PDB file of N, CA and C in Angstrom:
ATOM      1  N   MET A   1      96.492  12.747  78.991  1.00  0.00           N
ATOM      2  CA  MET A   1      96.735  12.169  77.936  1.00  0.00           C
ATOM      3  C   MET A   1      96.800  10.661  78.175  1.00  0.00           C
ATOM      4  N   THR A   2      96.637   9.544  77.029  1.00  0.00           N
ATOM      5  CA  THR A   2      96.313   8.391  77.369  1.00  0.00           C
ATOM      6  C   THR A   2      97.728   7.877  76.365  1.00  0.00           C
ATOM      7  N   SER A   3      98.632   7.244  77.261  1.00  0.00           N
ATOM      8  CA  SER A   3      99.944   6.458  76.446  1.00  0.00           C
ATOM      9  C   SER A   3      99.848   5.098  76.790  1.00  0.00           C
ATOM     10  N   VAL A   4     100.120   4.375  76.477  1.00  0.00           N
ATOM     11  CA  VAL A   4     100.075   3.050  75.997  1.00  0.00           C
ATOM     12  C   VAL A   4     101.319   2.699  75.038  1.00  0.00           C
ATOM     13  N   SER A   5     102.370   2.058  75.911  1.00  0.00           N
ATOM     14  CA  SER A   5     103.247   1.041  75.251  1.00  0.00           C
ATOM     15  C   SER A   5     103.021   0.262  74.410  1.00  0.00           C
ATOM     16  N   ASP A   6     103.743   0.106  73.415  1.00  0.00           N
ATOM     17  CA  ASP A   6     103.832  -1.076  72.556  1.00  0.00           C
ATOM     18  C   ASP A   6     104.058  -1.892  73.081  1.00  0.00           C
ATOM     19  N   MET A   7     103.026  -3.448  73.496  1.00  0.00           N
ATOM     20  CA  MET A   7     103.098  -4.660  74.300  1.00  0.00           C
ATOM     21  C   MET A   7     103.757  -5.610  73.453  1.00  0.00           C
ATOM     22  N   GLY A   8     104.011  -5.560  72.121  1.00  0.00           N
ATOM     23  CA  GLY A   8     104.481  -6.585  71.244  1.00  0.00           C
ATOM     24  C   GLY A   8     105.885  -6.608  71.277  1.00  0.00           C
ATOM     25  N   SER A   9     106.784  -5.734  72.291  1.00  0.00           N
ATOM     26  CA  SER A   9     108.409  -5.518  71.901  1.00  0.00           C
ATOM     27  C   SER A   9     108.717  -5.988  73.195  1.00  0.00           C
ATOM     28  N   GLN A  10     109.944  -6.357  73.338  1.00  0.00           N
ATOM     29  CA  GLN A  10     110.548  -6.572  74.876  1.00  0.00           C
ATOM     30  C   GLN A  10     111.408  -5.245  74.816  1.00  0.00           C
ATOM     31  N   SER A  11     111.887  -5.113  73.399  1.00  0.00           N
ATOM     32  CA  SER A  11     112.715  -3.492  73.834  1.00  0.00           C
ATOM     33  C   SER A  11     112.415  -2.424  74.681  1.00  0.00           C
ATOM     34  N   SER A  12     113.414  -1.932  75.268  1.00  0.00           N
ATOM     35  CA  SER A  12     112.688  -0.421  75.956  1.00  0.00           C
ATOM     36  C   SER A  12     112.677   0.738  74.778  1.00  0.00           C
ATOM     37  N   GLN A  13     112.682   0.600  73.547  1.00  0.00           N
ATOM     38  CA  GLN A  13     112.825   1.489  72.880  1.00  0.00           C
ATOM     39  C   GLN A  13     111.744   1.496  71.696  1.00  0.00           C
ATOM     40  N   ALA A  14     110.585   0.529  72.430  1.00  0.00           N
ATOM     41  CA  ALA A  14     109.207   0.381  71.534  1.00  0.00           C
ATOM     42  C   ALA A  14     108.254   1.685  71.193  1.00  0.00           C
ATOM     43  N   PHE A  15     107.763   1.458  70.347  1.00  0.00           N
ATOM     44  CA  PHE A  15     106.969   2.840  70.069  1.00  0.00           C
ATOM     45  C   PHE A  15     105.835   2.930  71.081  1.00  0.00           C
ATOM     46  N   THR A  16     105.464   4.110  71.331  1.00  0.00           N
ATOM     47  CA  THR A  16     104.526   4.085  72.202  1.00  0.00           C
ATOM     48  C   THR A  16     103.218   5.266  71.445  1.00  0.00           C
ATOM     49  N   VAL A  17     101.981   4.733  71.658  1.00  0.00           N
ATOM     50  CA  VAL A  17     100.967   5.153  71.004  1.00  0.00           C
ATOM     51  C   VAL A  17     100.171   5.987  71.928  1.00  0.00           C
ATOM     52  N   LEU A  18     100.049   7.220  71.504  1.00  0.00           N
ATOM     53  CA  LEU A  18      99.554   8.671  72.578  1.00  0.00           C
ATOM     54  C   LEU A  18      97.809   8.859  71.975  1.00  0.00           C
ATOM     55  N   ILE A  19      97.087   8.851  72.754  1.00  0.00           N
ATOM     56  CA  ILE A  19      95.893   9.474  72.390  1.00  0.00           C
ATOM     57  C   ILE A  19      95.417  10.437  73.407  1.00  0.00           C
ATOM     58  N   PRO A  20      95.774  11.847  72.735  1.00  0.00           N
ATOM     59  CA  PRO A  20      95.510  12.917  73.679  1.00  0.00           C
ATOM     60  C   PRO A  20      94.270  12.890  74.166  1.00  0.00           C
ATOM     61  N   ARG A  21      94.109  13.747  75.404  1.00  0.00           N
ATOM     62  CA  ARG A  21      92.619  13.965  76.021  1.00  0.00           C
ATOM     63  C   ARG A  21      91.751  14.267  75.485  1.00  0.00           C
ATOM     64  N   GLY A  22      91.922  15.404  74.414  1.00  0.00           N
ATOM     65  CA  GLY A  22      91.112  16.028  73.724  1.00  0.00           C
ATOM     66  C   GLY A  22      90.319  15.131  72.336  1.00  0.00           C
ATOM     67  N   LEU A  23      90.969  13.975  72.295  1.00  0.00           N
ATOM     68  CA  LEU A  23      90.588  13.027  71.487  1.00  0.00           C
ATOM     69  C   LEU A  23      89.774  11.708  71.965  1.00  0.00           C
ATOM     70  N   GLN A  24      90.418  11.760  73.080  1.00  0.00           N
ATOM     71  CA  GLN A  24      89.648  10.588  73.880  1.00  0.00           C
ATOM     72  C   GLN A  24      88.292  10.248  73.646  1.00  0.00           C
ATOM     73  N   GLY A  25      87.498  11.120  73.943  1.00  0.00           N
ATOM     74  CA  GLY A  25      86.013  11.257  74.117  1.00  0.00           C
ATOM     75  C   GLY A  25      85.522  11.120  72.567  1.00  0.00           C
ATOM     76  N   SER A  26      86.064  11.193  71.565  1.00  0.00           N
ATOM     77  CA  SER A  26      86.088  10.901  70.261  1.00  0.00           C
ATOM     78  C   SER A  26      86.045   9.815  70.073  1.00  0.00           C
ATOM     79  N   VAL A  27      87.471   9.042  70.636  1.00  0.00           N
ATOM     80  CA  VAL A  27      87.631   7.317  70.197  1.00  0.00           C
ATOM     81  C   VAL A  27      86.699   6.794  71.154  1.00  0.00           C
ATOM     82  N   ASP A  28      86.200   7.462  72.024  1.00  0.00           N
ATOM     83  CA  ASP A  28      85.435   6.255  73.027  1.00  0.00           C
ATOM     84  C   ASP A  28      84.196   6.521  72.609  1.00  0.00           C
ATOM     85  N   GLY A  29      83.653   7.094  71.725  1.00  0.00           N
ATOM     86  CA  GLY A  29      82.240   7.764  70.922  1.00  0.00           C
ATOM     87  C   GLY A  29      82.185   6.850  69.955  1.00  0.00           C
ATOM     88  N   LEU A  30      83.092   6.200  69.385  1.00  0.00           N
ATOM     89  CA  LEU A  30      83.075   5.542  68.002  1.00  0.00           C
ATOM     90  C   LEU A  30      82.356   4.140  68.498  1.00  0.00           C
ATOM     91  N   PRO A  31      81.616   3.463  67.512  1.00  0.00           N
ATOM     92  CA  PRO A  31      80.911   2.517  67.624  1.00  0.00           C
ATOM     93  C   PRO A  31      82.192   1.412  67.886  1.00  0.00           C
ATOM     94  N   GLN A  32      81.762   0.266  68.784  1.00  0.00           N
ATOM     95  CA  GLN A  32      82.910  -0.714  69.371  1.00  0.00           C
ATOM     96  C   GLN A  32      83.641  -1.324  68.123  1.00  0.00           C
ATOM     97  N   ASP A  33      82.973  -2.014  67.259  1.00  0.00           N
ATOM     98  CA  ASP A  33      84.058  -2.362  66.109  1.00  0.00           C
ATOM     99  C   ASP A  33      84.856  -1.352  65.260  1.00  0.00           C
ATOM    100  N   VAL A  34      84.579  -0.252  65.276  1.00  0.00           N
ATOM    101  CA  VAL A  34      85.124   1.075  64.485  1.00  0.00           C
ATOM    102  C   VAL A  34      86.362   1.109  65.429  1.00  0.00           C
ATOM    103  N   ARG A  35      85.994   1.206  66.913  1.00  0.00           N
ATOM    104  CA  ARG A  35      86.934   1.927  67.911  1.00  0.00           C
ATOM    105  C   ARG A  35      88.403   0.703  67.990  1.00  0.00           C
ATOM    106  N   GLN A  36      87.378  -0.453  68.014  1.00  0.00           N
ATOM    107  CA  GLN A  36      88.909  -1.494  67.853  1.00  0.00           C
ATOM    108  C   GLN A  36      89.621  -1.644  67.062  1.00  0.00           C
ATOM    109  N   ALA A  37      88.645  -1.371  65.328  1.00  0.00           N
ATOM    110  CA  ALA A  37      89.407  -1.309  64.547  1.00  0.00           C
ATOM    111  C   ALA A  37      91.033  -0.614  64.510  1.00  0.00           C
ATOM    112  N   LEU A  38      90.444   0.952  64.867  1.00  0.00           N
ATOM    113  CA  LEU A  38      90.969   2.122  65.168  1.00  0.00           C
ATOM    114  C   LEU A  38      92.401   1.560  65.746  1.00  0.00           C
ATOM    115  N   LEU A  39      92.208   1.232  67.166  1.00  0.00           N
ATOM    116  CA  LEU A  39      93.108   0.762  68.017  1.00  0.00           C
ATOM    117  C   LEU A  39      93.955  -0.429  67.652  1.00  0.00           C
ATOM    118  N   SER A  40      93.352  -1.409  66.579  1.00  0.00           N
ATOM    119  CA  SER A  40      94.219  -2.350  66.289  1.00  0.00           C
ATOM    120  C   SER A  40      95.184  -1.810  65.471  1.00  0.00           C
ATOM    121  N   GLU A  41      94.683  -0.853  64.493  1.00  0.00           N
ATOM    122  CA  GLU A  41      95.725  -0.213  63.185  1.00  0.00           C
ATOM    123  C   GLU A  41      96.905   0.832  63.875  1.00  0.00           C
ATOM    124  N   LEU A  42      96.589   1.540  64.834  1.00  0.00           N
ATOM    125  CA  LEU A  42      97.441   2.491  65.839  1.00  0.00           C
ATOM    126  C   LEU A  42      98.743   1.319  66.186  1.00  0.00           C
ATOM    127  N   PHE A  43      97.909   0.668  67.001  1.00  0.00           N
ATOM    128  CA  PHE A  43      99.163  -0.595  67.340  1.00  0.00           C
ATOM    129  C   PHE A  43      99.870  -1.404  66.353  1.00  0.00           C
ATOM    130  N   ARG A  44      99.695  -1.589  65.338  1.00  0.00           N
ATOM    131  CA  ARG A  44      99.904  -2.603  64.444  1.00  0.00           C
ATOM    132  C   ARG A  44     100.660  -1.542  63.336  1.00  0.00           C
ATOM    133  N   MET A  45     100.699  -0.031  63.616  1.00  0.00           N
ATOM    134  CA  MET A  45     101.579   0.662  63.037  1.00  0.00           C
ATOM    135  C   MET A  45     102.466   0.816  63.683  1.00  0.00           C
ATOM    136  N   ALA A  46     102.695   0.900  65.340  1.00  0.00           N
ATOM    137  CA  ALA A  46     103.280   1.364  66.225  1.00  0.00           C
ATOM    138  C   ALA A  46     104.403   0.027  65.865  1.00  0.00           C
ATOM    139  N   SER A  47     104.031  -1.384  65.986  1.00  0.00           N
ATOM    140  CA  SER A  47     104.839  -2.664  65.931  1.00  0.00           C
ATOM    141  C   SER A  47     105.623  -2.452  64.437  1.00  0.00           C
ATOM    142  N   LEU A  48     104.849  -2.083  63.612  1.00  0.00           N
ATOM    143  CA  LEU A  48     105.733  -2.041  62.342  1.00  0.00           C
ATOM    144  C   LEU A  48     106.747  -1.016  62.290  1.00  0.00           C
ATOM    145  N   ALA A  49     106.547   0.183  62.927  1.00  0.00           N
ATOM    146  CA  ALA A  49     107.613   1.512  62.969  1.00  0.00           C
ATOM    147  C   ALA A  49     108.584   0.748  63.899  1.00  0.00           C
ATOM    148  N   HIS A  50     108.184   0.086  65.032  1.00  0.00           N
ATOM    149  CA  HIS A  50     109.595  -0.770  65.971  1.00  0.00           C
ATOM    150  C   HIS A  50     110.228  -1.484  64.903  1.00  0.00           C
ATOM    151  N   GLN A  51     109.744  -2.412  64.467  1.00  0.00           N
ATOM    152  CA  GLN A  51     110.464  -3.280  63.690  1.00  0.00           C
ATOM    153  C   GLN A  51     110.917  -2.909  62.446  1.00  0.00           C
ATOM    154  N   GLU A  52     110.887  -1.807  61.879  1.00  0.00           N
ATOM    155  CA  GLU A  52     111.349  -1.023  60.562  1.00  0.00           C
ATOM    156  C   GLU A  52     112.188   0.500  61.017  1.00  0.00           C
ATOM    157  N   ARG A  53     112.447   0.589  62.261  1.00  0.00           N
ATOM    158  CA  ARG A  53     112.975   1.430  62.777  1.00  0.00           C
ATOM    159  C   ARG A  53     114.224   2.059  61.783  1.00  0.00           C
ATOM    160  N   SER A  54     115.081   1.065  61.371  1.00  0.00           N
ATOM    161  CA  SER A  54     116.141   1.631  60.530  1.00  0.00           C
ATOM    162  C   SER A  54     115.639   2.317  59.375  1.00  0.00           C
ATOM    163  N   LEU A  55     114.713   2.168  58.816  1.00  0.00           N
ATOM    164  CA  LEU A  55     114.164   2.586  57.339  1.00  0.00           C
ATOM    165  C   LEU A  55     113.375   4.040  57.722  1.00  0.00           C
ATOM    166  N   LEU A  56     112.816   4.217  59.146  1.00  0.00           N
ATOM    167  CA  LEU A  56     112.556   5.771  59.307  1.00  0.00           C
ATOM    168  C   LEU A  56     113.070   6.678  59.011  1.00  0.00           C
ATOM    169  N   GLN A  57     112.687   8.197  58.689  1.00  0.00           N
ATOM    170  CA  GLN A  57     113.301   9.359  58.922  1.00  0.00           C
ATOM    171  C   GLN A  57     113.430   9.342  60.434  1.00  0.00           C
ATOM    172  N   ALA A  58     114.863   9.949  60.360  1.00  0.00           N
ATOM    173  CA  ALA A  58     114.894  10.091  61.928  1.00  0.00           C
ATOM    174  C   ALA A  58     114.844  11.574  61.918  1.00  0.00           C
ATOM    175  N   SER A  59     114.395  12.359  61.338  1.00  0.00           N
ATOM    176  CA  SER A  59     114.417  13.814  61.587  1.00  0.00           C
ATOM    177  C   SER A  59     112.992  14.215  62.233  1.00  0.00           C
ATOM    178  N   SER A  60     112.142  15.290  61.890  1.00  0.00           N
ATOM    179  CA  SER A  60     111.197  15.980  62.472  1.00  0.00           C
ATOM    180  C   SER A  60     109.755  14.988  62.217  1.00  0.00           C
ATOM    181  N   PRO A  61     109.001  14.994  63.422  1.00  0.00           N
ATOM    182  CA  PRO A  61     107.737  14.162  63.178  1.00  0.00           C
ATOM    183  C   PRO A  61     107.308  14.373  61.813  1.00  0.00           C
ATOM    184  N   TYR A  62     106.155  13.254  61.304  1.00  0.00           N
ATOM    185  CA  TYR A  62     105.647  13.862  59.729  1.00  0.00           C
ATOM    186  C   TYR A  62     104.143  13.243  60.279  1.00  0.00           C
ATOM    187  N   ALA A  63     102.931  13.575  59.433  1.00  0.00           N
ATOM    188  CA  ALA A  63     101.648  13.195  59.186  1.00  0.00           C
ATOM    189  C   ALA A  63     101.664  11.758  58.595  1.00  0.00           C
ATOM    190  N   LEU A  64     100.783  10.777  59.031  1.00  0.00           N
ATOM    191  CA  LEU A  64     100.156   9.976  58.182  1.00  0.00           C
ATOM    192  C   LEU A  64      98.663   9.978  58.427  1.00  0.00           C
ATOM    193  N   ASN A  65      98.111  10.041  57.193  1.00  0.00           N
ATOM    194  CA  ASN A  65      96.414   9.791  56.835  1.00  0.00           C
ATOM    195  C   ASN A  65      95.597   8.356  57.226  1.00  0.00           C
ATOM    196  N   LEU A  66      94.787   7.969  57.996  1.00  0.00           N
ATOM    197  CA  LEU A  66      94.573   6.743  57.966  1.00  0.00           C
ATOM    198  C   LEU A  66      93.424   7.064  57.693  1.00  0.00           C
ATOM    199  N   ASP A  67      92.360   5.972  56.436  1.00  0.00           N
ATOM    200  CA  ASP A  67      90.996   5.925  56.021  1.00  0.00           C
ATOM    201  C   ASP A  67      90.440   4.589  56.890  1.00  0.00           C
ATOM    202  N   LEU A  68      89.663   4.477  57.835  1.00  0.00           N
ATOM    203  CA  LEU A  68      88.914   3.074  58.574  1.00  0.00           C
ATOM    204  C   LEU A  68      87.899   3.271  58.351  1.00  0.00           C
ATOM    205  N   ASP A  69      86.996   2.612  58.341  1.00  0.00           N
ATOM    206  CA  ASP A  69      85.258   2.078  58.546  1.00  0.00           C
ATOM    207  C   ASP A  69      84.830   3.645  58.880  1.00  0.00           C
ATOM    208  N   GLY A  70      85.120   4.095  57.487  1.00  0.00           N
ATOM    209  CA  GLY A  70      84.191   5.494  57.799  1.00  0.00           C
ATOM    210  C   GLY A  70      84.725   6.667  58.719  1.00  0.00           C
ATOM    211  N   CYS A  71      85.906   6.264  59.078  1.00  0.00           N
ATOM    212  CA  CYS A  71      87.040   7.249  59.736  1.00  0.00           C
ATOM    213  C   CYS A  71      88.127   7.762  59.148  1.00  0.00           C
ATOM    214  N   HIS A  72      88.278   9.055  59.353  1.00  0.00           N
ATOM    215  CA  HIS A  72      89.623   9.742  59.233  1.00  0.00           C
ATOM    216  C   HIS A  72      90.696   9.804  59.876  1.00  0.00           C
ATOM    217  N   ALA A  73      91.881   9.421  60.122  1.00  0.00           N
ATOM    218  CA  ALA A  73      92.394   9.854  61.266  1.00  0.00           C
ATOM    219  C   ALA A  73      93.782  10.224  60.851  1.00  0.00           C
ATOM    220  N   ILE A  74      94.283  11.401  61.366  1.00  0.00           N
ATOM    221  CA  ILE A  74      95.672  11.619  61.322  1.00  0.00           C
ATOM    222  C   ILE A  74      96.660  11.088  62.489  1.00  0.00           C
ATOM    223  N   VAL A  75      97.732  10.782  61.832  1.00  0.00           N
ATOM    224  CA  VAL A  75      98.336   9.976  63.077  1.00  0.00           C
ATOM    225  C   VAL A  75      99.831  10.862  63.009  1.00  0.00           C
ATOM    226  N   GLU A  76     100.432  11.499  63.911  1.00  0.00           N
ATOM    227  CA  GLU A  76     101.879  11.632  63.972  1.00  0.00           C
ATOM    228  C   GLU A  76     103.156  10.897  64.376  1.00  0.00           C
ATOM    229  N   MET A  77     103.835  10.810  63.361  1.00  0.00           N
ATOM    230  CA  MET A  77     104.559   9.485  63.485  1.00  0.00           C
ATOM    231  C   MET A  77     106.022  10.365  63.988  1.00  0.00           C
ATOM    232  N   ASP A  78     106.520  10.003  64.943  1.00  0.00           N
ATOM    233  CA  ASP A  78     108.026  11.140  65.601  1.00  0.00           C
ATOM    234  C   ASP A  78     108.826   9.851  65.905  1.00  0.00           C
ATOM    235  N   PRO A  79     109.854   9.413  65.140  1.00  0.00           N
ATOM    236  CA  PRO A  79     110.430   8.250  64.967  1.00  0.00           C
ATOM    237  C   PRO A  79     111.748   8.728  66.294  1.00  0.00           C
ATOM    238  N   SER A  80     112.505   9.910  66.566  1.00  0.00           N
ATOM    239  CA  SER A  80     113.272  10.231  67.021  1.00  0.00           C
ATOM    240  C   SER A  80     112.814   9.966  68.703  1.00  0.00           C
ATOM    241  N   ARG A  81     111.204   9.950  68.853  1.00  0.00           N
ATOM    242  CA  ARG A  81     110.864   9.830  70.423  1.00  0.00           C
ATOM    243  C   ARG A  81     110.188   8.712  70.591  1.00  0.00           C
ATOM    244  N   SER A  82     110.118   7.862  69.551  1.00  0.00           N
ATOM    245  CA  SER A  82     109.839   6.770  69.507  1.00  0.00           C
ATOM    246  C   SER A  82     107.944   6.664  69.706  1.00  0.00           C
ATOM    247  N   ARG A  83     107.389   7.304  68.949  1.00  0.00           N
ATOM    248  CA  ARG A  83     105.891   7.684  69.610  1.00  0.00           C
ATOM    249  C   ARG A  83     104.925   8.009  68.111  1.00  0.00           C
ATOM    250  N   LEU A  84     103.951   7.432  68.584  1.00  0.00           N
ATOM    251  CA  LEU A  84     102.813   7.602  67.405  1.00  0.00           C
ATOM    252  C   LEU A  84     101.994   8.464  68.211  1.00  0.00           C
ATOM    253  N   THR A  85     101.155   9.288  67.448  1.00  0.00           N
ATOM    254  CA  THR A  85      99.876  10.455  68.226  1.00  0.00           C
ATOM    255  C   THR A  85      99.027  10.298  67.405  1.00  0.00           C
ATOM    256  N   LEU A  86      97.550  10.126  68.095  1.00  0.00           N
ATOM    257  CA  LEU A  86      96.645  10.641  67.079  1.00  0.00           C
ATOM    258  C   LEU A  86      96.482  11.791  67.115  1.00  0.00           C
ATOM    259  N   ALA A  87      96.500  12.155  65.915  1.00  0.00           N
ATOM    260  CA  ALA A  87      96.404  13.919  66.274  1.00  0.00           C
ATOM    261  C   ALA A  87      94.921  14.371  65.470  1.00  0.00           C
ATOM    262  N   GLY A  88      94.278  13.482  65.087  1.00  0.00           N
ATOM    263  CA  GLY A  88      93.101  14.634  64.243  1.00  0.00           C
ATOM    264  C   GLY A  88      92.137  13.061  64.243  1.00  0.00           C
ATOM    265  N   LEU A  89      90.812  13.310  64.328  1.00  0.00           N
ATOM    266  CA  LEU A  89      89.589  12.047  64.249  1.00  0.00           C
ATOM    267  C   LEU A  89      88.570  12.631  63.789  1.00  0.00           C
ATOM    268  N   THR A  90      87.764  12.140  62.165  1.00  0.00           N
ATOM    269  CA  THR A  90      86.784  12.721  62.024  1.00  0.00           C
ATOM    270  C   THR A  90      85.793  11.471  61.060  1.00  0.00           C
ATOM    271  N   ARG A  91      84.741  11.508  61.437  1.00  0.00           N
ATOM    272  CA  ARG A  91      83.865  10.299  61.272  1.00  0.00           C
ATOM    273  C   ARG A  91      83.073  11.040  60.206  1.00  0.00           C
ATOM    274  N   ALA A  92      82.815  10.176  58.845  1.00  0.00           N
ATOM    275  CA  ALA A  92      82.066  10.593  57.820  1.00  0.00           C
ATOM    276  C   ALA A  92      80.574  10.553  57.966  1.00  0.00           C
ATOM    277  N   ARG A  93      79.990  11.555  57.505  1.00  0.00           N
ATOM    278  CA  ARG A  93      78.341  11.604  57.631  1.00  0.00           C
ATOM    279  C   ARG A  93      77.755  11.069  56.718  1.00  0.00           C
ATOM    280  N   ALA A  94      76.745  10.444  57.176  1.00  0.00           N
ATOM    281  CA  ALA A  94      75.878   9.403  56.295  1.00  0.00           C
ATOM    282  C   ALA A  94      74.942  10.460  55.656  1.00  0.00           C
ATOM    283  N   LEU A  95      74.841  10.206  53.992  1.00  0.00           N
ATOM    284  CA  LEU A  95      74.186  11.571  53.338  1.00  0.00           C
ATOM    285  C   LEU A  95      72.872  10.763  53.754  1.00  0.00           C
ATOM    286  N   GLY A  96      71.769  11.778  53.142  1.00  0.00           N
ATOM    287  CA  GLY A  96      70.390  11.457  53.256  1.00  0.00           C
ATOM    288  C   GLY A  96      69.480  11.770  53.824  1.00  0.00           C
TER     289      GLY A  96
END
């Protein structure tokens, strides 16, 4: 499992972005611009979650859907563990 802490924060409570090994190949296989957009959005979400921690539900994890550059990502937000996990990734297929 790949784990990268949100580097934008000085706090030890910063949100962590996790990309499970099973999805790492899918992320790596994305075109470079799409991969960069996805990773940027995950870190932006982690940074916002850290800044707005008091507004987040502290209960059980919940899923967020993200549509970005022809990809659909499912991101699990776990405020109690300060963690964002990429839980699913699918690419739209071109018709024709």
